[in-house]
Amino acid sequence: MRVDQFDFDLPEDRIALRPASPRDSARLLVVDGERLEDRIVRDLPSLLRPGDALVFNDTKVIPARLAGLRRRGEAAARIEATLHMRAGPDRWRAFLKPAKRVAVGERIRFGHDGEACLLGALEATVAEKGEGGEALLVFDLSGPALDEAIMAAGHMPLPPYIAAKRAEDERDQQDYQTVYAREEGAVAAPTAGLHFTPELLEALKAAGIEMHFVTLHVGAGTFLPVKAEETEDHRMHAEIGVVSESTAAALNAVKARGGRIVSVGTTSLRLMESAVGEDGLLKPWSGATDIFITPGYRFRTADILMTNFHLPRSTLFMLVSAFSGLERMKRAYAHAIASGYRFYSYGDGSLLFRAEP
């Protein structure tokens, strides 16, 4: 499909720079067939049925944005690296900015203004360079020592459409993390989950709605623009995920007794679709997935998708268009824009019911 089919006009003032407070007071647009209904996230228990199951991504965002210096003799260049996928105990794949200032084999020192981190110097060698500013960084530290150094030296990796408008601050340390995050490794938040509060989780439990967890470590590739003219020419960056045996069995049981699977976020959905068999049964799964979902895809897992509002021409808008129908999503987004919904990571949410093929 042509990428321009997924374009729409979005006013700049619709981009949310802060989340709703409290989190579950965010607006929620219900898209069920041709019906559009304006609700709030706190209404979720009444919008679902006892026996339904929510699937959350419990990945935890790490401070994956590193400021560094590359030196050549007396000359120095400031380099920013956004880690996006771990490739080994001592190495990460990262996006460098500006990548053209660094050559393979050169060293970068990361930390406070590129001088040092709290645990001493955090240095890496550029082992490979790829397309779009991507590089493989091999650090001098490894394993837990590297993890601690990144925690000390790194900054919260706010999405570029927020970071371009304001600086990261202490509020983001909490705001850009789900309340149930536990598995460290993401460099971007699973943003649909940002709407949940402990009180809402308790209300869902009291309503007889199950809650299960998968882990997909969201990478910075999720923010990369689609530069191809045709969707089949776009390459997705891989992300690491896990579906446990117990979660797969529990979700299969939900489906078997007629309950609905409600995916909280596109990341949970992409991971489940990577782990499902042709028979529609989820299987225990772990590894890297680069699944790219566009209209025409046949979903085998979720019946309902809760997600935020996404960028024009983005892979995420393509995914929701595959789930609920392109024309339906264009109509829903036009309603959201006209009605003042807030977009992107800190914005409002939508509850999408899957379109029949």
Protein backbone atom coordinates (compact mmCIF):
# COMPACT_ATOMS: atom_id res chain seq x y z
CA MET A 1 0.00 0.00 0.00
CA ARG A 2 1.04 3.58 -0.55
CA VAL A 3 2.22 5.26 2.63
CA ASP A 4 0.39 8.49 1.78
CA GLN A 5 -2.91 6.64 2.31
CA PHE A 6 -2.13 6.88 6.04
CA ASP A 7 -1.61 10.65 6.07
CA PHE A 8 -3.84 13.16 7.85
CA ASP A 9 -3.56 16.75 9.07
CA LEU A 10 -2.77 17.12 12.76
CA PRO A 11 -2.60 20.58 14.40
CA GLU A 12 0.56 21.13 16.46
CA ASP A 13 -1.45 22.04 19.54
CA ARG A 14 -2.92 18.52 19.71
CA ILE A 15 0.46 17.08 20.81
CA ALA A 16 0.33 16.48 24.57
CA LEU A 17 3.44 17.62 26.44
CA ARG A 18 2.23 16.36 29.84
CA PRO A 19 -0.07 13.47 30.77
CA ALA A 20 -3.52 13.85 32.26
CA SER A 21 -3.61 13.98 36.05
CA PRO A 22 -4.71 11.67 37.48
CA ARG A 23 -3.70 9.26 34.75
CA ASP A 24 -7.09 7.58 34.41
CA SER A 25 -8.86 10.92 33.83
CA ALA A 26 -7.59 10.90 30.23
CA ARG A 27 -10.25 10.83 27.54
CA LEU A 28 -11.06 7.54 25.82
CA LEU A 29 -12.62 7.34 22.36
CA VAL A 30 -14.56 4.08 21.89
CA VAL A 31 -14.56 2.92 18.26
CA ASP A 32 -16.98 0.01 17.86
CA GLY A 33 -18.08 -0.53 14.29
CA GLU A 34 -19.50 2.77 13.07
CA ARG A 35 -20.13 3.94 16.65
CA LEU A 36 -17.90 6.61 18.19
CA GLU A 37 -18.39 7.29 21.89
CA ASP A 38 -16.53 9.79 24.08
CA ARG A 39 -15.63 8.35 27.49
CA ILE A 40 -12.73 8.52 29.95
CA VAL A 41 -10.21 5.82 30.84
CA ARG A 42 -11.74 5.43 34.30
CA ASP A 43 -14.88 4.05 32.57
CA LEU A 44 -12.96 1.01 31.31
CA PRO A 45 -14.46 -1.53 33.78
CA SER A 46 -17.96 -0.70 32.51
CA LEU A 47 -16.86 -1.00 28.88
CA LEU A 48 -15.61 -4.57 29.30
CA ARG A 49 -17.25 -7.79 30.49
CA PRO A 50 -16.48 -10.19 33.34
CA GLY A 51 -14.23 -12.88 31.90
CA ASP A 52 -12.42 -10.53 29.53
CA ALA A 53 -8.64 -10.36 29.94
CA LEU A 54 -6.36 -7.34 29.68
CA VAL A 55 -2.84 -7.98 28.39
CA PHE A 56 -0.24 -5.49 29.63
CA ASN A 57 3.36 -4.99 28.57
CA ASP A 58 5.37 -4.88 31.81
CA THR A 59 8.60 -3.59 30.28
CA LYS A 60 10.38 -0.84 32.22
CA VAL A 61 11.93 2.19 30.52
CA ILE A 62 15.63 2.70 31.17
CA PRO A 63 17.42 6.09 30.84
CA ALA A 64 18.59 5.17 27.36
CA ARG A 65 19.60 8.59 26.03
CA LEU A 66 23.33 9.17 26.53
CA ALA A 67 25.28 12.37 25.91
CA GLY A 68 28.90 11.84 24.90
CA LEU A 69 32.07 13.15 23.33
CA ARG A 70 34.11 11.76 20.44
CA ARG A 71 37.71 13.02 20.46
CA ARG A 72 40.23 13.11 17.63
CA GLY A 73 43.38 14.57 19.08
CA GLU A 74 42.42 18.06 20.24
CA ALA A 75 39.16 18.06 18.27
CA ALA A 76 35.96 16.94 20.01
CA ALA A 77 32.42 16.40 18.79
CA ARG A 78 29.30 16.04 20.93
CA ILE A 79 27.41 12.84 20.17
CA GLU A 80 24.02 11.72 21.45
CA ALA A 81 23.23 8.01 21.49
CA THR A 82 19.77 6.55 22.01
CA LEU A 83 20.08 2.88 22.89
CA HIS A 84 17.38 0.80 21.24
CA MET A 85 18.20 -2.92 21.53
CA ARG A 86 20.65 -4.86 23.64
CA ALA A 87 22.90 -7.08 21.51
CA GLY A 88 24.97 -8.70 24.28
CA PRO A 89 26.21 -8.20 27.86
CA ASP A 90 28.54 -5.39 26.75
CA ARG A 91 26.86 -4.06 23.62
CA TRP A 92 23.82 -2.13 22.47
CA ARG A 93 22.45 -1.12 19.11
CA ALA A 94 21.89 2.63 19.18
CA PHE A 95 20.94 5.60 17.04
CA LEU A 96 23.73 8.19 16.97
CA LYS A 97 23.18 11.89 16.38
CA PRO A 98 24.95 13.24 14.40
CA ALA A 99 26.15 9.86 13.15
CA LYS A 100 28.33 11.35 10.42
CA ARG A 101 30.77 12.65 13.06
CA VAL A 102 31.72 9.13 14.16
CA ALA A 103 33.62 6.43 12.28
CA VAL A 104 33.83 2.70 12.93
CA GLY A 105 36.54 1.99 15.48
CA GLU A 106 36.29 5.38 17.20
CA ARG A 107 35.64 5.80 20.90
CA ILE A 108 32.87 7.77 22.59
CA ARG A 109 32.94 8.75 26.26
CA PHE A 110 29.47 9.07 27.76
CA GLY A 111 28.29 10.63 30.97
CA HIS A 112 27.71 14.09 32.33
CA ASP A 113 28.36 16.28 29.28
CA GLY A 114 30.47 13.47 27.90
CA GLU A 115 33.11 13.72 30.60
CA ALA A 116 32.30 11.00 33.12
CA CYS A 117 29.41 9.27 34.82
CA LEU A 118 28.92 8.84 38.53
CA LEU A 119 30.51 5.40 38.43
CA GLY A 120 33.52 6.54 36.44
CA ALA A 121 33.99 6.82 32.70
CA LEU A 122 31.42 5.06 30.52
CA GLU A 123 33.15 4.47 27.22
CA ALA A 124 32.24 2.56 24.10
CA THR A 125 33.75 1.67 20.74
CA VAL A 126 31.73 2.06 17.55
CA ALA A 127 31.91 -1.49 16.18
CA GLU A 128 29.52 -1.11 13.24
CA LYS A 129 27.53 1.57 11.46
CA GLY A 130 24.28 1.00 9.61
CA GLU A 131 21.56 3.02 7.92
CA GLY A 132 19.64 5.90 9.45
CA GLY A 133 22.25 6.68 12.09
CA GLU A 134 22.19 3.20 13.61
CA ALA A 135 25.40 1.83 15.14
CA LEU A 136 26.60 -1.04 17.30
CA LEU A 137 28.30 0.20 20.47
CA VAL A 138 30.61 -2.10 22.44
CA PHE A 139 31.08 -0.78 25.97
CA ASP A 140 34.09 -1.28 28.23
CA LEU A 141 31.70 -2.39 30.98
CA SER A 142 29.50 -5.47 30.83
CA GLY A 143 26.44 -6.99 32.48
CA PRO A 144 25.18 -5.42 35.73
CA ALA A 145 28.11 -2.97 35.83
CA LEU A 146 27.06 -1.58 32.46
CA ASP A 147 23.42 -1.43 33.57
CA GLU A 148 24.39 0.62 36.63
CA ALA A 149 26.54 2.97 34.57
CA ILE A 150 23.71 3.58 32.09
CA MET A 151 21.30 4.26 34.97
CA ALA A 152 23.76 6.83 36.34
CA ALA A 153 24.68 8.52 33.06
CA GLY A 154 21.50 8.27 31.02
CA HIS A 155 18.45 10.46 30.54
CA MET A 156 14.82 9.43 30.10
CA PRO A 157 14.32 8.97 26.33
CA LEU A 158 11.30 11.19 25.76
CA PRO A 159 9.76 10.84 22.28
CA PRO A 160 11.26 13.30 19.78
CA TYR A 161 7.96 15.14 19.30
CA ILE A 162 7.98 15.98 23.04
CA ALA A 163 11.73 16.46 23.47
CA ALA A 164 11.73 18.99 20.63
CA LYS A 165 9.29 21.18 22.56
CA ARG A 166 10.61 20.97 26.12
CA ALA A 167 13.42 19.49 28.18
CA GLU A 168 13.12 16.31 30.21
CA ASP A 169 12.59 16.93 33.92
CA GLU A 170 12.06 15.02 37.17
CA ARG A 171 8.33 14.58 36.53
CA ASP A 172 9.11 12.49 33.46
CA GLN A 173 10.93 9.92 35.61
CA GLN A 174 7.53 8.90 36.94
CA ASP A 175 5.19 10.06 34.19
CA TYR A 176 6.96 8.09 31.43
CA GLN A 177 6.68 4.75 33.27
CA THR A 178 3.68 2.49 33.79
CA VAL A 179 2.69 1.75 37.39
CA TYR A 180 3.24 -1.98 36.75
CA ALA A 181 6.63 -1.73 34.98
CA ARG A 182 9.07 -4.38 36.25
CA GLU A 183 11.28 -5.80 33.46
CA GLU A 184 14.03 -3.29 32.61
CA GLY A 185 15.02 -2.90 28.99
CA ALA A 186 12.67 -0.56 27.08
CA VAL A 187 13.84 2.71 25.61
CA ALA A 188 10.28 3.90 24.96
CA ALA A 189 7.21 3.47 27.13
CA PRO A 190 4.26 1.27 26.16
CA THR A 191 2.16 4.39 26.27
CA ALA A 192 -1.37 2.96 26.44
CA GLY A 193 -0.38 1.59 29.83
CA LEU A 194 0.48 5.05 31.13
CA HIS A 195 -3.26 5.65 31.72
CA PHE A 196 -3.59 3.00 34.43
CA THR A 197 -3.57 3.76 38.15
CA PRO A 198 -3.55 1.32 41.09
CA GLU A 199 -7.18 2.31 41.73
CA LEU A 200 -8.21 1.51 38.15
CA LEU A 201 -6.45 -1.85 38.29
CA GLU A 202 -8.36 -2.68 41.48
CA ALA A 203 -11.65 -1.64 39.87
CA LEU A 204 -10.97 -3.88 36.87
CA LYS A 205 -10.17 -6.79 39.15
CA ALA A 206 -13.38 -6.21 41.12
CA ALA A 207 -15.33 -6.23 37.83
CA GLY A 208 -14.12 -9.76 37.09
CA ILE A 209 -11.65 -8.76 34.39
CA GLU A 210 -8.40 -10.72 34.30
CA MET A 211 -4.97 -9.14 33.95
CA HIS A 212 -1.98 -10.83 32.35
CA PHE A 213 1.50 -9.61 31.45
CA VAL A 214 3.88 -10.02 28.53
CA THR A 215 7.21 -8.25 28.00
CA LEU A 216 8.28 -6.43 24.85
CA HIS A 217 11.25 -4.11 25.25
CA VAL A 218 10.12 -1.22 23.09
CA GLY A 219 12.91 0.25 20.97
CA ALA A 220 13.57 3.75 19.68
CA GLY A 221 12.82 2.44 16.20
CA THR A 222 9.16 2.92 17.05
CA PHE A 223 9.67 6.68 16.49
CA LEU A 224 11.46 6.42 13.14
CA PRO A 225 9.52 7.98 10.27
CA VAL A 226 8.43 5.84 7.34
CA LYS A 227 10.46 7.22 4.44
CA ALA A 228 9.42 4.63 1.84
CA GLU A 229 6.59 5.38 -0.56
CA GLU A 230 5.20 1.83 -0.33
CA THR A 231 4.62 0.01 2.96
CA GLU A 232 6.35 -3.15 1.72
CA ASP A 233 9.59 -1.19 1.34
CA HIS A 234 9.74 -0.14 5.00
CA ARG A 235 12.01 -2.07 7.38
CA MET A 236 10.99 -2.44 11.02
CA HIS A 237 13.66 -2.55 13.74
CA ALA A 238 13.57 -5.69 15.87
CA GLU A 239 12.55 -5.66 19.53
CA ILE A 240 13.07 -8.34 22.19
CA GLY A 241 10.03 -9.94 23.80
CA VAL A 242 8.83 -12.78 26.01
CA VAL A 243 5.47 -14.54 26.39
CA SER A 244 5.64 -16.95 29.32
CA GLU A 245 4.12 -20.42 29.32
CA SER A 246 1.69 -19.44 32.10
CA THR A 247 0.49 -16.32 30.26
CA ALA A 248 0.01 -18.20 26.99
CA ALA A 249 -2.02 -20.90 28.77
CA ALA A 250 -4.15 -18.37 30.65
CA LEU A 251 -5.00 -16.40 27.51
CA ASN A 252 -5.83 -19.56 25.57
CA ALA A 253 -8.20 -20.48 28.39
CA VAL A 254 -9.88 -17.08 28.21
CA LYS A 255 -10.53 -17.53 24.49
CA ALA A 256 -11.74 -21.11 24.97
CA ARG A 257 -14.48 -20.02 27.39
CA GLY A 258 -15.62 -17.12 25.23
CA GLY A 259 -13.83 -14.23 26.92
CA ARG A 260 -12.26 -11.43 24.95
CA ILE A 261 -8.58 -10.56 24.81
CA VAL A 262 -7.99 -6.83 25.31
CA SER A 263 -4.51 -5.74 24.29
CA VAL A 264 -3.26 -2.72 26.22
CA GLY A 265 -1.11 -1.10 23.57
CA THR A 266 0.23 -1.94 20.16
CA THR A 267 3.36 -3.45 21.72
CA SER A 268 1.37 -6.15 23.54
CA LEU A 269 -0.55 -6.83 20.34
CA ARG A 270 2.54 -7.11 18.14
CA LEU A 271 4.14 -9.50 20.61
CA MET A 272 1.05 -11.72 20.86
CA GLU A 273 0.78 -11.83 17.09
CA SER A 274 4.43 -12.92 16.96
CA ALA A 275 3.72 -15.73 19.43
CA VAL A 276 0.45 -17.13 18.01
CA GLY A 277 0.23 -20.21 15.84
CA GLU A 278 -1.84 -20.77 12.72
CA ASP A 279 -4.35 -22.57 14.96
CA GLY A 280 -4.95 -19.35 16.90
CA LEU A 281 -3.31 -20.65 20.08
CA LEU A 282 -0.68 -18.60 21.86
CA LYS A 283 2.58 -20.38 22.51
CA PRO A 284 5.41 -19.64 24.95
CA TRP A 285 7.79 -17.41 23.02
CA SER A 286 10.96 -15.40 23.40
CA GLY A 287 13.24 -13.64 20.98
CA ALA A 288 13.33 -10.71 18.57
CA THR A 289 10.34 -9.65 16.53
CA ASP A 290 10.17 -7.18 13.65
CA ILE A 291 6.54 -7.90 12.73
CA PHE A 292 5.05 -5.10 10.60
CA ILE A 293 1.24 -5.04 10.53
CA THR A 294 -0.65 -3.23 7.77
CA PRO A 295 -4.22 -3.49 6.42
CA GLY A 296 -4.96 -6.96 5.10
CA TYR A 297 -3.28 -8.64 8.06
CA ARG A 298 -5.38 -11.36 9.76
CA PHE A 299 -5.32 -10.98 13.53
CA ARG A 300 -5.45 -14.15 15.64
CA THR A 301 -5.22 -12.83 19.20
CA ALA A 302 -6.81 -9.61 20.48
CA ASP A 303 -10.48 -8.75 20.09
CA ILE A 304 -10.07 -5.22 21.47
CA LEU A 305 -7.12 -2.82 21.39
CA MET A 306 -6.58 0.06 23.80
CA THR A 307 -4.07 2.50 22.35
CA ASN A 308 -3.16 6.18 22.13
CA PHE A 309 -3.48 8.38 19.05
CA HIS A 310 -0.57 8.02 16.64
CA LEU A 311 1.49 9.99 14.12
CA PRO A 312 0.33 10.43 10.53
CA ARG A 313 2.07 7.99 8.15
CA SER A 314 3.44 5.97 11.10
CA THR A 315 3.66 2.20 11.43
CA LEU A 316 1.39 2.48 14.49
CA PHE A 317 -1.38 4.24 12.55
CA MET A 318 -1.01 1.51 9.94
CA LEU A 319 -1.46 -1.12 12.66
CA VAL A 320 -4.65 0.43 14.09
CA SER A 321 -5.97 0.79 10.53
CA ALA A 322 -5.35 -2.92 10.02
CA PHE A 323 -7.18 -3.66 13.28
CA SER A 324 -10.27 -1.50 12.84
CA GLY A 325 -10.24 -0.46 9.18
CA LEU A 326 -8.50 2.47 7.47
CA GLU A 327 -11.58 4.54 6.67
CA ARG A 328 -13.02 3.94 10.12
CA MET A 329 -9.77 5.08 11.75
CA LYS A 330 -9.59 8.18 9.56
CA ARG A 331 -13.11 9.06 10.67
CA ALA A 332 -12.25 8.37 14.32
CA TYR A 333 -9.10 10.50 14.14
CA ALA A 334 -11.00 13.34 12.46
CA HIS A 335 -13.50 13.20 15.33
CA ALA A 336 -10.68 13.15 17.89
CA ILE A 337 -8.98 16.18 16.34
CA ALA A 338 -12.22 18.14 16.08
CA SER A 339 -13.16 17.22 19.67
CA GLY A 340 -9.86 18.29 21.23
CA TYR A 341 -8.36 14.89 22.05
CA ARG A 342 -4.67 15.01 22.96
CA PHE A 343 -2.27 12.97 20.79
CA TYR A 344 0.83 10.76 21.18
CA SER A 345 2.65 9.33 24.18
CA TYR A 346 1.23 11.64 26.87
CA GLY A 347 -2.11 12.02 25.12
CA ASP A 348 -5.56 10.48 25.39
CA GLY A 349 -6.56 6.92 24.51
CA SER A 350 -8.88 4.97 22.27
CA LEU A 351 -10.63 1.63 22.69
CA LEU A 352 -10.81 -0.10 19.32
CA PHE A 353 -12.97 -3.11 18.55
CA ARG A 354 -11.57 -5.38 15.86
CA ALA A 355 -13.20 -5.14 12.46
CA GLU A 356 -14.41 -8.34 10.91
CA PRO A 357 -12.36 -9.25 7.83
